[in-house]
Amino acid sequence: ELMAHTYSHLYGLPATGLRFFTVYGPWGRPDMALFLFTKA
């Protein structure tokens, strides 16, 4: 976030940072809780 802000300031690059909250669903990552729970 700090790096992107610096580039936005210095070079006028429009940049948007997204703070994702515990994403889950089909095709999900095998190391995430729901995948581990379902498999076990």
PDB file of all heavy atoms in Angstrom:
ATOM      1  N   GLU A   1       0.831  -1.200   0.000  1.00  0.00           N
ATOM      2  CA  GLU A   1       0.000   0.000   0.000  1.00  0.00           C
ATOM      3  C   GLU A   1       0.872   1.259   0.000  1.00  0.00           C
ATOM      4  O   GLU A   1       0.579   2.234  -0.711  1.00  0.00           O
ATOM      5  CB  GLU A   1      -0.931  -0.006   1.215  1.00  0.00           C
ATOM      6  CG  GLU A   1      -1.957  -1.130   1.203  1.00  0.00           C
ATOM      7  CD  GLU A   1      -2.879  -1.120   2.411  1.00  0.00           C
ATOM      8  OE1 GLU A   1      -2.779  -0.178   3.234  1.00  0.00           O
ATOM      9  OE2 GLU A   1      -3.703  -2.041   2.523  1.00  0.00           O
ATOM     10  N   LEU A   2       1.937   1.251   0.787  1.00  0.00           N
ATOM     11  CA  LEU A   2       2.831   2.411   0.841  1.00  0.00           C
ATOM     12  C   LEU A   2       3.574   2.601  -0.479  1.00  0.00           C
ATOM     13  O   LEU A   2       3.735   3.736  -0.962  1.00  0.00           O
ATOM     14  CB  LEU A   2       3.826   2.232   1.987  1.00  0.00           C
ATOM     15  CG  LEU A   2       3.234   2.186   3.395  1.00  0.00           C
ATOM     16  CD1 LEU A   2       4.321   1.863   4.409  1.00  0.00           C
ATOM     17  CD2 LEU A   2       2.557   3.500   3.749  1.00  0.00           C
ATOM     18  N   MET A   3       4.032   1.498  -1.078  1.00  0.00           N
ATOM     19  CA  MET A   3       4.739   1.580  -2.350  1.00  0.00           C
ATOM     20  C   MET A   3       3.824   2.137  -3.440  1.00  0.00           C
ATOM     21  O   MET A   3       4.217   3.018  -4.219  1.00  0.00           O
ATOM     22  CB  MET A   3       5.254   0.191  -2.743  1.00  0.00           C
ATOM     23  CG  MET A   3       6.340  -0.351  -1.816  1.00  0.00           C
ATOM     24  SD  MET A   3       6.600  -2.136  -2.009  1.00  0.00           S
ATOM     25  CE  MET A   3       7.380  -2.201  -3.629  1.00  0.00           C
ATOM     26  N   ALA A   4       2.589   1.618  -3.492  1.00  0.00           N
ATOM     27  CA  ALA A   4       1.649   2.083  -4.514  1.00  0.00           C
ATOM     28  C   ALA A   4       1.327   3.566  -4.321  1.00  0.00           C
ATOM     29  O   ALA A   4       1.235   4.323  -5.296  1.00  0.00           O
ATOM     30  CB  ALA A   4       0.379   1.242  -4.467  1.00  0.00           C
ATOM     31  N   HIS A   5       1.151   3.967  -3.063  1.00  0.00           N
ATOM     32  CA  HIS A   5       0.850   5.376  -2.817  1.00  0.00           C
ATOM     33  C   HIS A   5       1.990   6.265  -3.317  1.00  0.00           C
ATOM     34  O   HIS A   5       1.756   7.335  -3.898  1.00  0.00           O
ATOM     35  CB  HIS A   5       0.615   5.632  -1.327  1.00  0.00           C
ATOM     36  CG  HIS A   5       0.302   7.071  -1.027  1.00  0.00           C
ATOM     37  ND1 HIS A   5       1.283   8.006  -0.745  1.00  0.00           N
ATOM     38  CD2 HIS A   5      -0.868   7.740  -1.005  1.00  0.00           C
ATOM     39  CE1 HIS A   5       0.720   9.186  -0.554  1.00  0.00           C
ATOM     40  NE2 HIS A   5      -0.584   9.055  -0.704  1.00  0.00           N
ATOM     41  N   THR A   6       3.220   5.831  -3.103  1.00  0.00           N
ATOM     42  CA  THR A   6       4.362   6.617  -3.551  1.00  0.00           C
ATOM     43  C   THR A   6       4.347   6.801  -5.066  1.00  0.00           C
ATOM     44  O   THR A   6       4.599   7.901  -5.580  1.00  0.00           O
ATOM     45  CB  THR A   6       5.671   5.937  -3.115  1.00  0.00           C
ATOM     46  OG1 THR A   6       5.675   5.789  -1.697  1.00  0.00           O
ATOM     47  CG2 THR A   6       6.871   6.765  -3.531  1.00  0.00           C
ATOM     48  N   TYR A   7       4.041   5.724  -5.795  1.00  0.00           N
ATOM     49  CA  TYR A   7       3.974   5.821  -7.260  1.00  0.00           C
ATOM     50  C   TYR A   7       2.790   6.690  -7.696  1.00  0.00           C
ATOM     51  O   TYR A   7       2.883   7.393  -8.708  1.00  0.00           O
ATOM     52  CB  TYR A   7       3.888   4.427  -7.883  1.00  0.00           C
ATOM     53  CG  TYR A   7       5.253   3.831  -8.151  1.00  0.00           C
ATOM     54  CD1 TYR A   7       6.084   3.460  -7.103  1.00  0.00           C
ATOM     55  CD2 TYR A   7       5.723   3.668  -9.448  1.00  0.00           C
ATOM     56  CE1 TYR A   7       7.344   2.918  -7.328  1.00  0.00           C
ATOM     57  CE2 TYR A   7       6.986   3.134  -9.701  1.00  0.00           C
ATOM     58  CZ  TYR A   7       7.786   2.768  -8.630  1.00  0.00           C
ATOM     59  OH  TYR A   7       9.037   2.243  -8.875  1.00  0.00           O
ATOM     60  N   SER A   8       1.699   6.635  -6.956  1.00  0.00           N
ATOM     61  CA  SER A   8       0.571   7.510  -7.269  1.00  0.00           C
ATOM     62  C   SER A   8       0.972   8.969  -7.102  1.00  0.00           C
ATOM     63  O   SER A   8       0.627   9.828  -7.926  1.00  0.00           O
ATOM     64  CB  SER A   8      -0.618   7.191  -6.359  1.00  0.00           C
ATOM     65  OG  SER A   8      -1.104   5.886  -6.585  1.00  0.00           O
ATOM     66  N   HIS A   9       1.715   9.257  -6.039  1.00  0.00           N
ATOM     67  CA  HIS A   9       2.148  10.625  -5.766  1.00  0.00           C
ATOM     68  C   HIS A   9       3.200  11.108  -6.773  1.00  0.00           C
ATOM     69  O   HIS A   9       3.083  12.197  -7.343  1.00  0.00           O
ATOM     70  CB  HIS A   9       2.716  10.702  -4.348  1.00  0.00           C
ATOM     71  CG  HIS A   9       3.528  11.920  -4.074  1.00  0.00           C
ATOM     72  ND1 HIS A   9       2.993  13.189  -4.116  1.00  0.00           N
ATOM     73  CD2 HIS A   9       4.853  12.072  -3.778  1.00  0.00           C
ATOM     74  CE1 HIS A   9       3.940  14.082  -3.845  1.00  0.00           C
ATOM     75  NE2 HIS A   9       5.075  13.412  -3.645  1.00  0.00           N
ATOM     76  N   LEU A  10       4.211  10.287  -7.012  1.00  0.00           N
ATOM     77  CA  LEU A  10       5.325  10.725  -7.848  1.00  0.00           C
ATOM     78  C   LEU A  10       5.017  10.717  -9.335  1.00  0.00           C
ATOM     79  O   LEU A  10       5.468  11.597 -10.076  1.00  0.00           O
ATOM     80  CB  LEU A  10       6.549   9.835  -7.590  1.00  0.00           C
ATOM     81  CG  LEU A  10       7.214   9.962  -6.221  1.00  0.00           C
ATOM     82  CD1 LEU A  10       8.308   8.916  -6.074  1.00  0.00           C
ATOM     83  CD2 LEU A  10       7.775  11.372  -6.015  1.00  0.00           C
ATOM     84  N   TYR A  11       4.231   9.708  -9.772  1.00  0.00           N
ATOM     85  CA  TYR A  11       4.047   9.512 -11.210  1.00  0.00           C
ATOM     86  C   TYR A  11       2.595   9.610 -11.666  1.00  0.00           C
ATOM     87  O   TYR A  11       2.290   9.371 -12.826  1.00  0.00           O
ATOM     88  CB  TYR A  11       4.626   8.152 -11.619  1.00  0.00           C
ATOM     89  CG  TYR A  11       6.035   7.941 -11.127  1.00  0.00           C
ATOM     90  CD1 TYR A  11       6.319   6.969 -10.181  1.00  0.00           C
ATOM     91  CD2 TYR A  11       7.080   8.740 -11.589  1.00  0.00           C
ATOM     92  CE1 TYR A  11       7.612   6.780  -9.715  1.00  0.00           C
ATOM     93  CE2 TYR A  11       8.382   8.557 -11.131  1.00  0.00           C
ATOM     94  CZ  TYR A  11       8.639   7.574 -10.188  1.00  0.00           C
ATOM     95  OH  TYR A  11       9.922   7.392  -9.719  1.00  0.00           O
ATOM     96  N   GLY A  12       1.695   9.952 -10.732  1.00  0.00           N
ATOM     97  CA  GLY A  12       0.295  10.117 -11.101  1.00  0.00           C
ATOM     98  C   GLY A  12      -0.400   8.812 -11.467  1.00  0.00           C
ATOM     99  O   GLY A  12      -1.404   8.832 -12.189  1.00  0.00           O
ATOM    100  N   LEU A  13       0.107   7.676 -10.976  1.00  0.00           N
ATOM    101  CA  LEU A  13      -0.488   6.374 -11.288  1.00  0.00           C
ATOM    102  C   LEU A  13      -1.733   6.141 -10.433  1.00  0.00           C
ATOM    103  O   LEU A  13      -1.622   6.020  -9.210  1.00  0.00           O
ATOM    104  CB  LEU A  13       0.529   5.258 -11.021  1.00  0.00           C
ATOM    105  CG  LEU A  13      -0.004   3.823 -11.105  1.00  0.00           C
ATOM    106  CD1 LEU A  13      -0.432   3.483 -12.531  1.00  0.00           C
ATOM    107  CD2 LEU A  13       1.058   2.832 -10.595  1.00  0.00           C
ATOM    108  N   PRO A  14      -2.925   6.071 -11.034  1.00  0.00           N
ATOM    109  CA  PRO A  14      -4.115   5.724 -10.246  1.00  0.00           C
ATOM    110  C   PRO A  14      -3.989   4.287  -9.738  1.00  0.00           C
ATOM    111  O   PRO A  14      -3.793   3.354 -10.526  1.00  0.00           O
ATOM    112  CB  PRO A  14      -5.260   5.857 -11.248  1.00  0.00           C
ATOM    113  CG  PRO A  14      -4.729   6.752 -12.330  1.00  0.00           C
ATOM    114  CD  PRO A  14      -3.270   6.401 -12.427  1.00  0.00           C
ATOM    115  N   ALA A  15      -4.052   4.114  -8.427  1.00  0.00           N
ATOM    116  CA  ALA A  15      -3.846   2.797  -7.829  1.00  0.00           C
ATOM    117  C   ALA A  15      -4.871   2.570  -6.717  1.00  0.00           C
ATOM    118  O   ALA A  15      -5.122   3.473  -5.903  1.00  0.00           O
ATOM    119  CB  ALA A  15      -2.435   2.662  -7.280  1.00  0.00           C
ATOM    120  N   THR A  16      -5.429   1.368  -6.688  1.00  0.00           N
ATOM    121  CA  THR A  16      -6.449   1.011  -5.699  1.00  0.00           C
ATOM    122  C   THR A  16      -6.053  -0.280  -5.012  1.00  0.00           C
ATOM    123  O   THR A  16      -5.848  -1.304  -5.668  1.00  0.00           O
ATOM    124  CB  THR A  16      -7.819   0.817  -6.375  1.00  0.00           C
ATOM    125  OG1 THR A  16      -8.180   2.017  -7.070  1.00  0.00           O
ATOM    126  CG2 THR A  16      -8.882   0.495  -5.343  1.00  0.00           C
ATOM    127  N   GLY A  17      -5.919  -0.223  -3.691  1.00  0.00           N
ATOM    128  CA  GLY A  17      -5.582  -1.401  -2.902  1.00  0.00           C
ATOM    129  C   GLY A  17      -6.826  -2.013  -2.286  1.00  0.00           C
ATOM    130  O   GLY A  17      -7.693  -1.297  -1.771  1.00  0.00           O
ATOM    131  N   LEU A  18      -6.910  -3.333  -2.333  1.00  0.00           N
ATOM    132  CA  LEU A  18      -8.104  -4.042  -1.859  1.00  0.00           C
ATOM    133  C   LEU A  18      -7.755  -4.947  -0.687  1.00  0.00           C
ATOM    134  O   LEU A  18      -6.965  -5.891  -0.830  1.00  0.00           O
ATOM    135  CB  LEU A  18      -8.697  -4.872  -3.004  1.00  0.00           C
ATOM    136  CG  LEU A  18      -8.958  -4.098  -4.296  1.00  0.00           C
ATOM    137  CD1 LEU A  18      -9.534  -5.024  -5.358  1.00  0.00           C
ATOM    138  CD2 LEU A  18      -9.886  -2.920  -4.037  1.00  0.00           C
ATOM    139  N   ARG A  19      -8.350  -4.654   0.449  1.00  0.00           N
ATOM    140  CA  ARG A  19      -8.123  -5.460   1.647  1.00  0.00           C
ATOM    141  C   ARG A  19      -9.178  -6.574   1.700  1.00  0.00           C
ATOM    142  O   ARG A  19     -10.299  -6.369   2.169  1.00  0.00           O
ATOM    143  CB  ARG A  19      -8.186  -4.576   2.894  1.00  0.00           C
ATOM    144  CG  ARG A  19      -7.056  -3.554   2.934  1.00  0.00           C
ATOM    145  CD  ARG A  19      -7.195  -2.578   4.088  1.00  0.00           C
ATOM    146  NE  ARG A  19      -6.066  -1.639   4.122  1.00  0.00           N
ATOM    147  CZ  ARG A  19      -5.997  -0.577   4.923  1.00  0.00           C
ATOM    148  NH1 ARG A  19      -6.996  -0.306   5.767  1.00  0.00           N
ATOM    149  NH2 ARG A  19      -4.931   0.216   4.892  1.00  0.00           N
ATOM    150  N   PHE A  20      -8.794  -7.743   1.193  1.00  0.00           N
ATOM    151  CA  PHE A  20      -9.709  -8.881   1.146  1.00  0.00           C
ATOM    152  C   PHE A  20      -9.875  -9.495   2.533  1.00  0.00           C
ATOM    153  O   PHE A  20      -8.897  -9.656   3.268  1.00  0.00           O
ATOM    154  CB  PHE A  20      -9.178  -9.962   0.198  1.00  0.00           C
ATOM    155  CG  PHE A  20      -9.061  -9.543  -1.233  1.00  0.00           C
ATOM    156  CD1 PHE A  20      -7.934  -9.864  -1.976  1.00  0.00           C
ATOM    157  CD2 PHE A  20     -10.078  -8.845  -1.862  1.00  0.00           C
ATOM    158  CE1 PHE A  20      -7.814  -9.504  -3.311  1.00  0.00           C
ATOM    159  CE2 PHE A  20      -9.977  -8.471  -3.190  1.00  0.00           C
ATOM    160  CZ  PHE A  20      -8.841  -8.799  -3.921  1.00  0.00           C
ATOM    161  N   PHE A  21     -11.104  -9.878   2.844  1.00  0.00           N
ATOM    162  CA  PHE A  21     -11.407 -10.528   4.111  1.00  0.00           C
ATOM    163  C   PHE A  21     -11.778 -11.994   3.861  1.00  0.00           C
ATOM    164  O   PHE A  21     -12.822 -12.301   3.291  1.00  0.00           O
ATOM    165  CB  PHE A  21     -12.567  -9.815   4.821  1.00  0.00           C
ATOM    166  CG  PHE A  21     -12.180  -8.565   5.552  1.00  0.00           C
ATOM    167  CD1 PHE A  21     -11.797  -7.428   4.851  1.00  0.00           C
ATOM    168  CD2 PHE A  21     -12.187  -8.509   6.935  1.00  0.00           C
ATOM    169  CE1 PHE A  21     -11.430  -6.263   5.505  1.00  0.00           C
ATOM    170  CE2 PHE A  21     -11.820  -7.350   7.603  1.00  0.00           C
ATOM    171  CZ  PHE A  21     -11.440  -6.219   6.892  1.00  0.00           C
ATOM    172  N   THR A  22     -10.910 -12.920   4.236  1.00  0.00           N
ATOM    173  CA  THR A  22     -11.112 -14.373   4.247  1.00  0.00           C
ATOM    174  C   THR A  22     -12.000 -14.844   3.093  1.00  0.00           C
ATOM    175  O   THR A  22     -13.175 -15.166   3.276  1.00  0.00           O
ATOM    176  CB  THR A  22     -11.700 -14.846   5.593  1.00  0.00           C
ATOM    177  OG1 THR A  22     -11.031 -14.199   6.670  1.00  0.00           O
ATOM    178  CG2 THR A  22     -11.513 -16.371   5.727  1.00  0.00           C
ATOM    179  N   VAL A  23     -11.419 -14.890   1.923  1.00  0.00           N
ATOM    180  CA  VAL A  23     -12.158 -15.251   0.707  1.00  0.00           C
ATOM    181  C   VAL A  23     -12.277 -16.777   0.614  1.00  0.00           C
ATOM    182  O   VAL A  23     -11.313 -17.501   0.866  1.00  0.00           O
ATOM    183  CB  VAL A  23     -11.454 -14.694  -0.537  1.00  0.00           C
ATOM    184  CG1 VAL A  23     -12.320 -14.903  -1.777  1.00  0.00           C
ATOM    185  CG2 VAL A  23     -11.130 -13.205  -0.354  1.00  0.00           C
ATOM    186  N   TYR A  24     -13.451 -17.252   0.214  1.00  0.00           N
ATOM    187  CA  TYR A  24     -13.677 -18.692   0.067  1.00  0.00           C
ATOM    188  C   TYR A  24     -14.622 -18.920  -1.098  1.00  0.00           C
ATOM    189  O   TYR A  24     -15.286 -17.994  -1.581  1.00  0.00           O
ATOM    190  CB  TYR A  24     -14.260 -19.301   1.350  1.00  0.00           C
ATOM    191  CG  TYR A  24     -15.711 -18.915   1.589  1.00  0.00           C
ATOM    192  CD1 TYR A  24     -16.746 -19.798   1.277  1.00  0.00           C
ATOM    193  CD2 TYR A  24     -16.048 -17.659   2.083  1.00  0.00           C
ATOM    194  CE1 TYR A  24     -18.077 -19.440   1.464  1.00  0.00           C
ATOM    195  CE2 TYR A  24     -17.364 -17.293   2.279  1.00  0.00           C
ATOM    196  CZ  TYR A  24     -18.373 -18.181   1.964  1.00  0.00           C
ATOM    197  OH  TYR A  24     -19.694 -17.824   2.135  1.00  0.00           O
ATOM    198  N   GLY A  25     -14.709 -20.163  -1.564  1.00  0.00           N
ATOM    199  CA  GLY A  25     -15.631 -20.500  -2.646  1.00  0.00           C
ATOM    200  C   GLY A  25     -15.040 -21.555  -3.558  1.00  0.00           C
ATOM    201  O   GLY A  25     -13.922 -22.049  -3.335  1.00  0.00           O
ATOM    202  N   PRO A  26     -15.780 -21.963  -4.602  1.00  0.00           N
ATOM    203  CA  PRO A  26     -15.297 -22.969  -5.557  1.00  0.00           C
ATOM    204  C   PRO A  26     -13.941 -22.601  -6.144  1.00  0.00           C
ATOM    205  O   PRO A  26     -13.641 -21.425  -6.339  1.00  0.00           O
ATOM    206  CB  PRO A  26     -16.391 -22.967  -6.630  1.00  0.00           C
ATOM    207  CG  PRO A  26     -17.626 -22.514  -5.918  1.00  0.00           C
ATOM    208  CD  PRO A  26     -17.145 -21.500  -4.917  1.00  0.00           C
ATOM    209  N   TRP A  27     -13.128 -23.612  -6.409  1.00  0.00           N
ATOM    210  CA  TRP A  27     -11.779 -23.464  -6.944  1.00  0.00           C
ATOM    211  C   TRP A  27     -10.838 -22.815  -5.928  1.00  0.00           C
ATOM    212  O   TRP A  27      -9.787 -22.287  -6.289  1.00  0.00           O
ATOM    213  CB  TRP A  27     -11.762 -22.680  -8.262  1.00  0.00           C
ATOM    214  CG  TRP A  27     -12.515 -23.343  -9.371  1.00  0.00           C
ATOM    215  CD1 TRP A  27     -13.797 -23.108  -9.764  1.00  0.00           C
ATOM    216  CD2 TRP A  27     -12.031 -24.390 -10.225  1.00  0.00           C
ATOM    217  NE1 TRP A  27     -14.145 -23.929 -10.811  1.00  0.00           N
ATOM    218  CE2 TRP A  27     -13.065 -24.725 -11.120  1.00  0.00           C
ATOM    219  CE3 TRP A  27     -10.806 -25.071 -10.338  1.00  0.00           C
ATOM    220  CZ2 TRP A  27     -12.936 -25.708 -12.098  1.00  0.00           C
ATOM    221  CZ3 TRP A  27     -10.666 -26.033 -11.311  1.00  0.00           C
ATOM    222  CH2 TRP A  27     -11.725 -26.351 -12.181  1.00  0.00           C
ATOM    223  N   GLY A  28     -11.207 -22.888  -4.645  1.00  0.00           N
ATOM    224  CA  GLY A  28     -10.425 -22.227  -3.612  1.00  0.00           C
ATOM    225  C   GLY A  28      -9.084 -22.879  -3.348  1.00  0.00           C
ATOM    226  O   GLY A  28      -8.747 -23.933  -3.894  1.00  0.00           O
ATOM    227  N   ARG A  29      -8.312 -22.231  -2.477  1.00  0.00           N
ATOM    228  CA  ARG A  29      -6.970 -22.710  -2.149  1.00  0.00           C
ATOM    229  C   ARG A  29      -7.032 -23.880  -1.174  1.00  0.00           C
ATOM    230  O   ARG A  29      -7.725 -23.812  -0.155  1.00  0.00           O
ATOM    231  CB  ARG A  29      -6.146 -21.581  -1.518  1.00  0.00           C
ATOM    232  CG  ARG A  29      -5.568 -20.632  -2.516  1.00  0.00           C
ATOM    233  CD  ARG A  29      -4.874 -19.444  -1.888  1.00  0.00           C
ATOM    234  NE  ARG A  29      -4.344 -19.653  -0.555  1.00  0.00           N
ATOM    235  CZ  ARG A  29      -4.193 -18.677   0.340  1.00  0.00           C
ATOM    236  NH1 ARG A  29      -4.563 -17.436   0.046  1.00  0.00           N
ATOM    237  NH2 ARG A  29      -3.686 -18.928   1.523  1.00  0.00           N
ATOM    238  N   PRO A  30      -6.265 -24.951  -1.438  1.00  0.00           N
ATOM    239  CA  PRO A  30      -6.276 -26.122  -0.553  1.00  0.00           C
ATOM    240  C   PRO A  30      -5.731 -25.869   0.845  1.00  0.00           C
ATOM    241  O   PRO A  30      -5.923 -26.705   1.732  1.00  0.00           O
ATOM    242  CB  PRO A  30      -5.394 -27.141  -1.293  1.00  0.00           C
ATOM    243  CG  PRO A  30      -5.470 -26.731  -2.726  1.00  0.00           C
ATOM    244  CD  PRO A  30      -5.535 -25.232  -2.689  1.00  0.00           C
ATOM    245  N   ASP A  31      -5.028 -24.743   1.059  1.00  0.00           N
ATOM    246  CA  ASP A  31      -4.499 -24.457   2.395  1.00  0.00           C
ATOM    247  C   ASP A  31      -5.476 -23.656   3.241  1.00  0.00           C
ATOM    248  O   ASP A  31      -5.189 -23.389   4.412  1.00  0.00           O
ATOM    249  CB  ASP A  31      -3.167 -23.703   2.283  1.00  0.00           C
ATOM    250  CG  ASP A  31      -3.329 -22.339   1.621  1.00  0.00           C
ATOM    251  OD1 ASP A  31      -4.056 -22.251   0.617  1.00  0.00           O
ATOM    252  OD2 ASP A  31      -2.728 -21.355   2.108  1.00  0.00           O
ATOM    253  N   MET A  32      -6.618 -23.280   2.681  1.00  0.00           N
ATOM    254  CA  MET A  32      -7.592 -22.493   3.428  1.00  0.00           C
ATOM    255  C   MET A  32      -8.527 -23.401   4.229  1.00  0.00           C
ATOM    256  O   MET A  32      -8.719 -24.576   3.901  1.00  0.00           O
ATOM    257  CB  MET A  32      -8.394 -21.602   2.487  1.00  0.00           C
ATOM    258  CG  MET A  32      -7.556 -20.556   1.773  1.00  0.00           C
ATOM    259  SD  MET A  32      -6.881 -19.315   2.908  1.00  0.00           S
ATOM    260  CE  MET A  32      -8.336 -18.307   3.215  1.00  0.00           C
ATOM    261  N   ALA A  33      -9.125 -22.821   5.274  1.00  0.00           N
ATOM    262  CA  ALA A  33      -9.854 -23.615   6.259  1.00  0.00           C
ATOM    263  C   ALA A  33     -10.966 -24.466   5.657  1.00  0.00           C
ATOM    264  O   ALA A  33     -11.068 -25.661   5.946  1.00  0.00           O
ATOM    265  CB  ALA A  33     -10.422 -22.696   7.345  1.00  0.00           C
ATOM    266  N   LEU A  34     -11.814 -23.882   4.819  1.00  0.00           N
ATOM    267  CA  LEU A  34     -12.964 -24.622   4.318  1.00  0.00           C
ATOM    268  C   LEU A  34     -12.526 -25.818   3.477  1.00  0.00           C
ATOM    269  O   LEU A  34     -13.117 -26.900   3.558  1.00  0.00           O
ATOM    270  CB  LEU A  34     -13.875 -23.699   3.503  1.00  0.00           C
ATOM    271  CG  LEU A  34     -15.161 -24.343   2.972  1.00  0.00           C
ATOM    272  CD1 LEU A  34     -15.996 -24.945   4.098  1.00  0.00           C
ATOM    273  CD2 LEU A  34     -15.981 -23.317   2.186  1.00  0.00           C
ATOM    274  N   PHE A  35     -11.488 -25.643   2.677  1.00  0.00           N
ATOM    275  CA  PHE A  35     -10.961 -26.738   1.860  1.00  0.00           C
ATOM    276  C   PHE A  35     -10.433 -27.844   2.775  1.00  0.00           C
ATOM    277  O   PHE A  35     -10.733 -29.044   2.583  1.00  0.00           O
ATOM    278  CB  PHE A  35      -9.841 -26.204   0.959  1.00  0.00           C
ATOM    279  CG  PHE A  35      -9.609 -26.990  -0.294  1.00  0.00           C
ATOM    280  CD1 PHE A  35      -9.899 -26.449  -1.538  1.00  0.00           C
ATOM    281  CD2 PHE A  35      -9.073 -28.262  -0.233  1.00  0.00           C
ATOM    282  CE1 PHE A  35      -9.671 -27.165  -2.716  1.00  0.00           C
ATOM    283  CE2 PHE A  35      -8.838 -28.988  -1.402  1.00  0.00           C
ATOM    284  CZ  PHE A  35      -9.133 -28.439  -2.637  1.00  0.00           C
ATOM    285  N   LEU A  36      -9.653 -27.460   3.789  1.00  0.00           N
ATOM    286  CA  LEU A  36      -9.095 -28.436   4.725  1.00  0.00           C
ATOM    287  C   LEU A  36     -10.191 -29.157   5.488  1.00  0.00           C
ATOM    288  O   LEU A  36     -10.137 -30.388   5.666  1.00  0.00           O
ATOM    289  CB  LEU A  36      -8.149 -27.731   5.701  1.00  0.00           C
ATOM    290  CG  LEU A  36      -6.862 -27.154   5.100  1.00  0.00           C
ATOM    291  CD1 LEU A  36      -6.165 -26.259   6.114  1.00  0.00           C
ATOM    292  CD2 LEU A  36      -5.932 -28.271   4.661  1.00  0.00           C
ATOM    293  N   PHE A  37     -11.190 -28.412   5.954  1.00  0.00           N
ATOM    294  CA  PHE A  37     -12.295 -29.028   6.691  1.00  0.00           C
ATOM    295  C   PHE A  37     -13.037 -30.043   5.831  1.00  0.00           C
ATOM    296  O   PHE A  37     -13.297 -31.176   6.245  1.00  0.00           O
ATOM    297  CB  PHE A  37     -13.282 -27.961   7.174  1.00  0.00           C
ATOM    298  CG  PHE A  37     -12.756 -27.036   8.234  1.00  0.00           C
ATOM    299  CD1 PHE A  37     -13.333 -25.778   8.414  1.00  0.00           C
ATOM    300  CD2 PHE A  37     -11.694 -27.387   9.049  1.00  0.00           C
ATOM    301  CE1 PHE A  37     -12.866 -24.911   9.388  1.00  0.00           C
ATOM    302  CE2 PHE A  37     -11.218 -26.531  10.025  1.00  0.00           C
ATOM    303  CZ  PHE A  37     -11.805 -25.286  10.191  1.00  0.00           C
ATOM    304  N   THR A  38     -13.391 -29.615   4.619  1.00  0.00           N
ATOM    305  CA  THR A  38     -14.176 -30.474   3.739  1.00  0.00           C
ATOM    306  C   THR A  38     -13.417 -31.758   3.411  1.00  0.00           C
ATOM    307  O   THR A  38     -13.980 -32.866   3.469  1.00  0.00           O
ATOM    308  CB  THR A  38     -14.529 -29.716   2.446  1.00  0.00           C
ATOM    309  OG1 THR A  38     -15.291 -28.552   2.793  1.00  0.00           O
ATOM    310  CG2 THR A  38     -15.331 -30.582   1.497  1.00  0.00           C
ATOM    311  N   LYS A  39     -12.147 -31.625   3.078  1.00  0.00           N
ATOM    312  CA  LYS A  39     -11.330 -32.793   2.744  1.00  0.00           C
ATOM    313  C   LYS A  39     -11.238 -33.758   3.924  1.00  0.00           C
ATOM    314  O   LYS A  39     -11.438 -34.977   3.777  1.00  0.00           O
ATOM    315  CB  LYS A  39      -9.927 -32.344   2.324  1.00  0.00           C
ATOM    316  CG  LYS A  39      -9.029 -33.450   1.788  1.00  0.00           C
ATOM    317  CD  LYS A  39      -7.711 -32.859   1.282  1.00  0.00           C
ATOM    318  CE  LYS A  39      -6.888 -33.897   0.517  1.00  0.00           C
ATOM    319  NZ  LYS A  39      -6.415 -34.989   1.391  1.00  0.00           N
ATOM    320  N   ALA A  40     -10.953 -33.229   5.111  1.00  0.00           N
ATOM    321  CA  ALA A  40     -10.798 -34.077   6.286  1.00  0.00           C
ATOM    322  C   ALA A  40     -12.113 -34.762   6.665  1.00  0.00           C
ATOM    323  O   ALA A  40     -12.132 -35.961   6.978  1.00  0.00           O
ATOM    324  CB  ALA A  40     -10.277 -33.249   7.453  1.00  0.00           C
TER     325      ALA A  40
END
